[in-house]
PDB file of N, CA and C in Angstrom:
ATOM      1  N   MET A   1     326.379 151.246 120.046  1.00  0.00           N
ATOM      2  CA  MET A   1     326.897 151.249 120.778  1.00  0.00           C
ATOM      3  C   MET A   1     326.242 151.514 121.877  1.00  0.00           C
ATOM      4  N   ASP A   2     327.085 151.797 123.410  1.00  0.00           N
ATOM      5  CA  ASP A   2     326.677 150.851 124.648  1.00  0.00           C
ATOM      6  C   ASP A   2     327.261 152.041 125.925  1.00  0.00           C
ATOM      7  N   SER A   3     326.110 151.977 126.930  1.00  0.00           N
ATOM      8  CA  SER A   3     326.621 152.515 128.312  1.00  0.00           C
ATOM      9  C   SER A   3     327.764 152.811 128.400  1.00  0.00           C
ATOM     10  N   ASN A   4     328.569 152.172 128.098  1.00  0.00           N
ATOM     11  CA  ASN A   4     330.516 151.830 128.234  1.00  0.00           C
ATOM     12  C   ASN A   4     330.512 152.980 127.708  1.00  0.00           C
ATOM     13  N   ALA A   5     330.867 152.842 126.076  1.00  0.00           N
ATOM     14  CA  ALA A   5     331.331 153.497 124.769  1.00  0.00           C
ATOM     15  C   ALA A   5     331.032 155.106 125.436  1.00  0.00           C
ATOM     16  N   ILE A   6     329.169 155.411 125.555  1.00  0.00           N
ATOM     17  CA  ILE A   6     328.872 156.654 125.578  1.00  0.00           C
ATOM     18  C   ILE A   6     329.621 156.996 127.222  1.00  0.00           C
ATOM     19  N   GLN A   7     329.696 156.591 128.113  1.00  0.00           N
ATOM     20  CA  GLN A   7     330.492 157.295 129.313  1.00  0.00           C
ATOM     21  C   GLN A   7     331.899 157.549 129.480  1.00  0.00           C
ATOM     22  N   GLN A   8     332.852 156.634 128.118  1.00  0.00           N
ATOM     23  CA  GLN A   8     334.129 157.127 127.978  1.00  0.00           C
ATOM     24  C   GLN A   8     334.570 158.157 127.375  1.00  0.00           C
ATOM     25  N   ARG A   9     332.972 158.724 126.347  1.00  0.00           N
ATOM     26  CA  ARG A   9     333.021 159.834 125.641  1.00  0.00           C
ATOM     27  C   ARG A   9     333.222 161.053 126.159  1.00  0.00           C
ATOM     28  N   LEU A  10     332.605 160.595 127.514  1.00  0.00           N
ATOM     29  CA  LEU A  10     331.507 161.735 128.323  1.00  0.00           C
ATOM     30  C   LEU A  10     333.111 162.084 129.025  1.00  0.00           C
ATOM     31  N   ILE A  11     333.867 161.103 129.778  1.00  0.00           N
ATOM     32  CA  ILE A  11     334.852 161.279 130.889  1.00  0.00           C
ATOM     33  C   ILE A  11     335.645 161.684 129.747  1.00  0.00           C
ATOM     34  N   GLU A  12     336.301 161.352 128.136  1.00  0.00           N
ATOM     35  CA  GLU A  12     337.390 162.704 127.976  1.00  0.00           C
ATOM     36  C   GLU A  12     336.675 163.923 127.838  1.00  0.00           C
ATOM     37  N   HIS A  13     335.508 164.101 127.746  1.00  0.00           N
ATOM     38  CA  HIS A  13     335.507 165.357 127.229  1.00  0.00           C
ATOM     39  C   HIS A  13     335.457 166.275 128.579  1.00  0.00           C
ATOM     40  N   PHE A  14     334.738 165.110 129.982  1.00  0.00           N
ATOM     41  CA  PHE A  14     335.146 166.173 131.535  1.00  0.00           C
ATOM     42  C   PHE A  14     335.298 165.094 132.132  1.00  0.00           C
ATOM     43  N   PRO A  15     336.598 164.829 131.836  1.00  0.00           N
ATOM     44  CA  PRO A  15     337.794 164.216 133.074  1.00  0.00           C
ATOM     45  C   PRO A  15     337.329 164.438 134.721  1.00  0.00           C
ATOM     46  N   ASN A  16     336.720 165.656 134.960  1.00  0.00           N
ATOM     47  CA  ASN A  16     336.752 165.861 136.710  1.00  0.00           C
ATOM     48  C   ASN A  16     335.165 165.529 136.618  1.00  0.00           C
ATOM     49  N   ALA A  17     334.567 165.478 136.196  1.00  0.00           N
ATOM     50  CA  ALA A  17     333.635 164.496 136.474  1.00  0.00           C
ATOM     51  C   ALA A  17     332.757 163.167 136.786  1.00  0.00           C
ATOM     52  N   ARG A  18     331.493 163.677 137.762  1.00  0.00           N
ATOM     53  CA  ARG A  18     331.367 162.479 138.376  1.00  0.00           C
ATOM     54  C   ARG A  18     330.279 162.259 137.368  1.00  0.00           C
ATOM     55  N   ILE A  19     330.212 160.736 136.461  1.00  0.00           N
ATOM     56  CA  ILE A  19     329.618 161.006 135.385  1.00  0.00           C
ATOM     57  C   ILE A  19     328.505 158.881 135.467  1.00  0.00           C
ATOM     58  N   ILE A  20     327.402 159.017 135.587  1.00  0.00           N
ATOM     59  CA  ILE A  20     327.143 158.170 135.158  1.00  0.00           C
ATOM     60  C   ILE A  20     326.272 157.053 134.310  1.00  0.00           C
ATOM     61  N   VAL A  21     326.260 156.901 133.107  1.00  0.00           N
ATOM     62  CA  VAL A  21     325.470 156.449 132.428  1.00  0.00           C
ATOM     63  C   VAL A  21     324.611 155.236 132.088  1.00  0.00           C
ATOM     64  N   SER A  22     323.614 154.912 132.099  1.00  0.00           N
ATOM     65  CA  SER A  22     323.033 153.555 131.970  1.00  0.00           C
ATOM     66  C   SER A  22     321.491 153.643 130.812  1.00  0.00           C
ATOM     67  N   SER A  23     321.586 151.968 130.610  1.00  0.00           N
ATOM     68  CA  SER A  23     320.199 151.896 129.837  1.00  0.00           C
ATOM     69  C   SER A  23     320.162 150.779 129.973  1.00  0.00           C
ATOM     70  N   GLU A  24     318.526 149.654 129.160  1.00  0.00           N
ATOM     71  CA  GLU A  24     318.220 148.442 129.183  1.00  0.00           C
ATOM     72  C   GLU A  24     317.807 148.138 127.468  1.00  0.00           C
ATOM     73  N   ASP A  25     318.433 149.144 127.070  1.00  0.00           N
ATOM     74  CA  ASP A  25     318.497 148.163 125.979  1.00  0.00           C
ATOM     75  C   ASP A  25     319.521 148.734 124.245  1.00  0.00           C
ATOM     76  N   ASN A  26     320.271 149.640 125.080  1.00  0.00           N
ATOM     77  CA  ASN A  26     321.416 150.174 125.001  1.00  0.00           C
ATOM     78  C   ASN A  26     320.588 150.782 122.967  1.00  0.00           C
ATOM     79  N   VAL A  27     319.283 151.145 123.269  1.00  0.00           N
ATOM     80  CA  VAL A  27     318.833 152.740 122.861  1.00  0.00           C
ATOM     81  C   VAL A  27     318.753 153.947 123.412  1.00  0.00           C
ATOM     82  N   HIS A  28     317.663 153.464 124.671  1.00  0.00           N
ATOM     83  CA  HIS A  28     317.660 154.845 125.078  1.00  0.00           C
ATOM     84  C   HIS A  28     318.507 154.436 126.892  1.00  0.00           C
ATOM     85  N   PHE A  29     318.944 155.769 126.101  1.00  0.00           N
ATOM     86  CA  PHE A  29     319.717 156.015 127.778  1.00  0.00           C
ATOM     87  C   PHE A  29     319.527 157.149 128.266  1.00  0.00           C
ATOM     88  N   SER A  30     320.255 157.367 129.964  1.00  0.00           N
ATOM     89  CA  SER A  30     319.753 157.826 131.017  1.00  0.00           C
ATOM     90  C   SER A  30     320.881 158.338 131.008  1.00  0.00           C
ATOM     91  N   ALA A  31     321.987 159.079 131.795  1.00  0.00           N
ATOM     92  CA  ALA A  31     323.346 159.806 131.966  1.00  0.00           C
ATOM     93  C   ALA A  31     322.630 161.185 132.954  1.00  0.00           C
ATOM     94  N   LYS A  32     323.815 160.906 134.091  1.00  0.00           N
ATOM     95  CA  LYS A  32     323.419 161.976 134.732  1.00  0.00           C
ATOM     96  C   LYS A  32     325.221 162.213 135.383  1.00  0.00           C
ATOM     97  N   VAL A  33     325.768 164.060 134.629  1.00  0.00           N
ATOM     98  CA  VAL A  33     327.108 164.303 134.881  1.00  0.00           C
ATOM     99  C   VAL A  33     327.121 165.399 136.044  1.00  0.00           C
ATOM    100  N   VAL A  34     327.949 165.444 136.486  1.00  0.00           N
ATOM    101  CA  VAL A  34     328.297 166.182 138.031  1.00  0.00           C
ATOM    102  C   VAL A  34     329.224 167.133 138.002  1.00  0.00           C
ATOM    103  N   ASP A  35     329.369 168.352 137.003  1.00  0.00           N
ATOM    104  CA  ASP A  35     330.520 169.053 136.849  1.00  0.00           C
ATOM    105  C   ASP A  35     330.611 170.177 137.216  1.00  0.00           C
ATOM    106  N   ALA A  36     331.544 170.791 137.676  1.00  0.00           N
ATOM    107  CA  ALA A  36     331.929 171.650 138.154  1.00  0.00           C
ATOM    108  C   ALA A  36     331.638 173.190 137.233  1.00  0.00           C
ATOM    109  N   GLY A  37     332.233 172.733 135.625  1.00  0.00           N
ATOM    110  CA  GLY A  37     331.885 173.312 134.785  1.00  0.00           C
ATOM    111  C   GLY A  37     330.509 173.761 134.364  1.00  0.00           C
ATOM    112  N   PHE A  38     330.055 173.334 134.438  1.00  0.00           N
ATOM    113  CA  PHE A  38     328.891 173.677 134.121  1.00  0.00           C
ATOM    114  C   PHE A  38     328.606 175.444 134.612  1.00  0.00           C
ATOM    115  N   GLU A  39     328.506 175.516 136.315  1.00  0.00           N
ATOM    116  CA  GLU A  39     328.622 176.531 136.861  1.00  0.00           C
ATOM    117  C   GLU A  39     328.709 177.985 135.857  1.00  0.00           C
ATOM    118  N   GLY A  40     327.118 178.879 135.967  1.00  0.00           N
ATOM    119  CA  GLY A  40     326.852 179.647 135.092  1.00  0.00           C
ATOM    120  C   GLY A  40     326.038 179.546 134.264  1.00  0.00           C
ATOM    121  N   LEU A  41     326.405 177.723 133.490  1.00  0.00           N
ATOM    122  CA  LEU A  41     325.657 178.023 132.197  1.00  0.00           C
ATOM    123  C   LEU A  41     323.922 177.128 132.369  1.00  0.00           C
ATOM    124  N   SER A  42     323.907 178.008 131.218  1.00  0.00           N
ATOM    125  CA  SER A  42     322.562 177.490 131.026  1.00  0.00           C
ATOM    126  C   SER A  42     322.119 176.163 130.693  1.00  0.00           C
ATOM    127  N   ARG A  43     320.959 175.270 131.311  1.00  0.00           N
ATOM    128  CA  ARG A  43     320.397 173.915 130.783  1.00  0.00           C
ATOM    129  C   ARG A  43     320.507 173.684 129.280  1.00  0.00           C
ATOM    130  N   VAL A  44     319.570 174.826 128.369  1.00  0.00           N
ATOM    131  CA  VAL A  44     320.411 174.687 126.542  1.00  0.00           C
ATOM    132  C   VAL A  44     321.603 174.495 126.757  1.00  0.00           C
ATOM    133  N   ALA A  45     323.044 176.054 127.066  1.00  0.00           N
ATOM    134  CA  ALA A  45     324.292 175.090 126.623  1.00  0.00           C
ATOM    135  C   ALA A  45     324.894 174.214 127.718  1.00  0.00           C
ATOM    136  N   ARG A  46     324.692 173.411 129.147  1.00  0.00           N
ATOM    137  CA  ARG A  46     324.830 172.631 129.533  1.00  0.00           C
ATOM    138  C   ARG A  46     324.722 171.013 128.660  1.00  0.00           C
ATOM    139  N   HIS A  47     323.860 170.658 127.898  1.00  0.00           N
ATOM    140  CA  HIS A  47     323.250 169.682 126.441  1.00  0.00           C
ATOM    141  C   HIS A  47     324.044 169.925 125.482  1.00  0.00           C
ATOM    142  N   ARG A  48     324.367 171.204 125.069  1.00  0.00           N
ATOM    143  CA  ARG A  48     324.688 170.866 123.577  1.00  0.00           C
ATOM    144  C   ARG A  48     326.425 170.121 124.119  1.00  0.00           C
ATOM    145  N   LEU A  49     327.136 170.806 125.471  1.00  0.00           N
ATOM    146  CA  LEU A  49     328.461 170.233 125.485  1.00  0.00           C
ATOM    147  C   LEU A  49     328.310 168.837 125.587  1.00  0.00           C
ATOM    148  N   ILE A  50     326.708 167.895 125.980  1.00  0.00           N
ATOM    149  CA  ILE A  50     327.064 166.713 126.518  1.00  0.00           C
ATOM    150  C   ILE A  50     326.539 166.417 124.583  1.00  0.00           C
ATOM    151  N   HIS A  51     326.066 166.883 123.539  1.00  0.00           N
ATOM    152  CA  HIS A  51     326.253 166.257 122.669  1.00  0.00           C
ATOM    153  C   HIS A  51     327.146 166.816 121.321  1.00  0.00           C
ATOM    154  N   ASP A  52     327.918 167.345 122.367  1.00  0.00           N
ATOM    155  CA  ASP A  52     329.021 167.816 121.287  1.00  0.00           C
ATOM    156  C   ASP A  52     330.289 166.456 121.463  1.00  0.00           C
ATOM    157  N   ALA A  53     330.236 166.704 123.079  1.00  0.00           N
ATOM    158  CA  ALA A  53     330.836 164.669 123.179  1.00  0.00           C
ATOM    159  C   ALA A  53     330.582 163.643 122.730  1.00  0.00           C
ATOM    160  N   ILE A  54     329.301 163.551 122.208  1.00  0.00           N
ATOM    161  CA  ILE A  54     328.918 162.498 122.419  1.00  0.00           C
ATOM    162  C   ILE A  54     329.219 161.848 121.295  1.00  0.00           C
ATOM    163  N   GLY A  55     328.461 162.769 119.878  1.00  0.00           N
ATOM    164  CA  GLY A  55     328.924 163.433 118.577  1.00  0.00           C
ATOM    165  C   GLY A  55     327.783 162.658 117.895  1.00  0.00           C
ATOM    166  N   ALA A  56     327.956 162.009 116.984  1.00  0.00           N
ATOM    167  CA  ALA A  56     326.972 161.727 116.059  1.00  0.00           C
ATOM    168  C   ALA A  56     325.649 161.043 116.165  1.00  0.00           C
ATOM    169  N   ALA A  57     326.047 159.923 116.812  1.00  0.00           N
ATOM    170  CA  ALA A  57     325.926 159.006 118.072  1.00  0.00           C
ATOM    171  C   ALA A  57     324.145 159.267 118.486  1.00  0.00           C
ATOM    172  N   VAL A  58     324.059 160.527 118.002  1.00  0.00           N
ATOM    173  CA  VAL A  58     322.592 161.329 119.114  1.00  0.00           C
ATOM    174  C   VAL A  58     321.796 161.390 117.932  1.00  0.00           C
ATOM    175  N   GLY A  59     320.825 160.686 118.255  1.00  0.00           N
ATOM    176  CA  GLY A  59     320.069 160.470 116.670  1.00  0.00           C
ATOM    177  C   GLY A  59     319.745 159.194 115.939  1.00  0.00           C
ATOM    178  N   ARG A  60     321.345 158.349 116.226  1.00  0.00           N
ATOM    179  CA  ARG A  60     321.661 157.193 114.964  1.00  0.00           C
ATOM    180  C   ARG A  60     321.498 156.500 116.211  1.00  0.00           C
ATOM    181  N   GLU A  61     322.397 155.337 116.227  1.00  0.00           N
ATOM    182  CA  GLU A  61     322.421 155.025 116.939  1.00  0.00           C
ATOM    183  C   GLU A  61     321.755 154.840 118.424  1.00  0.00           C
ATOM    184  N   ILE A  62     322.620 156.478 119.274  1.00  0.00           N
ATOM    185  CA  ILE A  62     321.261 156.757 120.756  1.00  0.00           C
ATOM    186  C   ILE A  62     319.860 157.550 120.285  1.00  0.00           C
ATOM    187  N   HIS A  63     318.652 156.429 120.439  1.00  0.00           N
ATOM    188  CA  HIS A  63     317.227 157.488 120.114  1.00  0.00           C
ATOM    189  C   HIS A  63     316.772 157.988 121.578  1.00  0.00           C
ATOM    190  N   ALA A  64     316.863 157.607 121.619  1.00  0.00           N
ATOM    191  CA  ALA A  64     316.329 159.032 123.453  1.00  0.00           C
ATOM    192  C   ALA A  64     317.713 158.858 124.323  1.00  0.00           C
ATOM    193  N   LEU A  65     317.728 160.197 125.228  1.00  0.00           N
ATOM    194  CA  LEU A  65     318.902 160.397 125.612  1.00  0.00           C
ATOM    195  C   LEU A  65     318.568 161.468 127.073  1.00  0.00           C
ATOM    196  N   SER A  66     318.801 161.131 127.321  1.00  0.00           N
ATOM    197  CA  SER A  66     317.255 162.084 129.112  1.00  0.00           C
ATOM    198  C   SER A  66     319.012 162.440 129.753  1.00  0.00           C
ATOM    199  N   LEU A  67     319.053 163.543 130.175  1.00  0.00           N
ATOM    200  CA  LEU A  67     319.962 164.009 130.851  1.00  0.00           C
ATOM    201  C   LEU A  67     319.770 164.216 132.674  1.00  0.00           C
ATOM    202  N   GLN A  68     320.361 164.695 133.254  1.00  0.00           N
ATOM    203  CA  GLN A  68     320.709 165.286 134.604  1.00  0.00           C
ATOM    204  C   GLN A  68     322.112 165.915 134.469  1.00  0.00           C
ATOM    205  N   LEU A  69     322.257 166.908 134.005  1.00  0.00           N
ATOM    206  CA  LEU A  69     323.535 167.958 134.012  1.00  0.00           C
ATOM    207  C   LEU A  69     323.340 168.762 135.469  1.00  0.00           C
ATOM    208  N   LEU A  70     323.855 168.777 136.689  1.00  0.00           N
ATOM    209  CA  LEU A  70     324.669 169.004 137.729  1.00  0.00           C
ATOM    210  C   LEU A  70     325.774 169.913 138.565  1.00  0.00           C
ATOM    211  N   THR A  71     325.362 171.055 139.265  1.00  0.00           N
ATOM    212  CA  THR A  71     327.320 170.890 139.504  1.00  0.00           C
ATOM    213  C   THR A  71     327.457 170.345 140.538  1.00  0.00           C
ATOM    214  N   PRO A  72     328.846 170.561 141.650  1.00  0.00           N
ATOM    215  CA  PRO A  72     328.497 169.963 142.060  1.00  0.00           C
ATOM    216  C   PRO A  72     327.451 170.288 143.367  1.00  0.00           C
ATOM    217  N   GLU A  73     327.301 171.530 143.653  1.00  0.00           N
ATOM    218  CA  GLU A  73     326.587 172.001 144.690  1.00  0.00           C
ATOM    219  C   GLU A  73     324.761 171.661 144.449  1.00  0.00           C
ATOM    220  N   GLN A  74     324.964 171.915 142.948  1.00  0.00           N
ATOM    221  CA  GLN A  74     323.651 171.880 142.441  1.00  0.00           C
ATOM    222  C   GLN A  74     322.901 169.274 143.045  1.00  0.00           C
ATOM    223  N   ASP A  75     323.673 168.817 143.031  1.00  0.00           N
ATOM    224  CA  ASP A  75     324.420 168.031 143.651  1.00  0.00           C
ATOM    225  C   ASP A  75     324.411 167.367 144.894  1.00  0.00           C
ATOM    226  N   ALA A  76     324.632 168.072 145.871  1.00  0.00           N
ATOM    227  CA  ALA A  76     325.073 168.200 147.494  1.00  0.00           C
ATOM    228  C   ALA A  76     323.379 168.748 147.398  1.00  0.00           C
ATOM    229  N   ASN A  77     322.618 169.490 147.051  1.00  0.00           N
ATOM    230  CA  ASN A  77     321.142 169.977 147.327  1.00  0.00           C
ATOM    231  C   ASN A  77     320.372 169.304 146.553  1.00  0.00           C
ATOM    232  N   GLY A  78     320.505 168.665 146.309  1.00  0.00           N
ATOM    233  CA  GLY A  78     319.672 167.455 145.636  1.00  0.00           C
ATOM    234  C   GLY A  78     318.320 167.808 144.593  1.00  0.00           C
TER     235      GLY A  78
END
């Protein structure tokens, strides 16, 4: 799996989000997802949504996934 494949899966589940996925080795990834749907959700709940969207590749093809999951307001306040 590569960054583009991960990004496509996230876009399917979060069509209104701003999503950036990167990797230097296609094993360790980082993703920034900014979505209004994260409003009121805990950090753990946000992470679960992302893991559910990506599926079984997490822990198999994807060795590490660093996530920055923000609402638009949190992103603007940086």
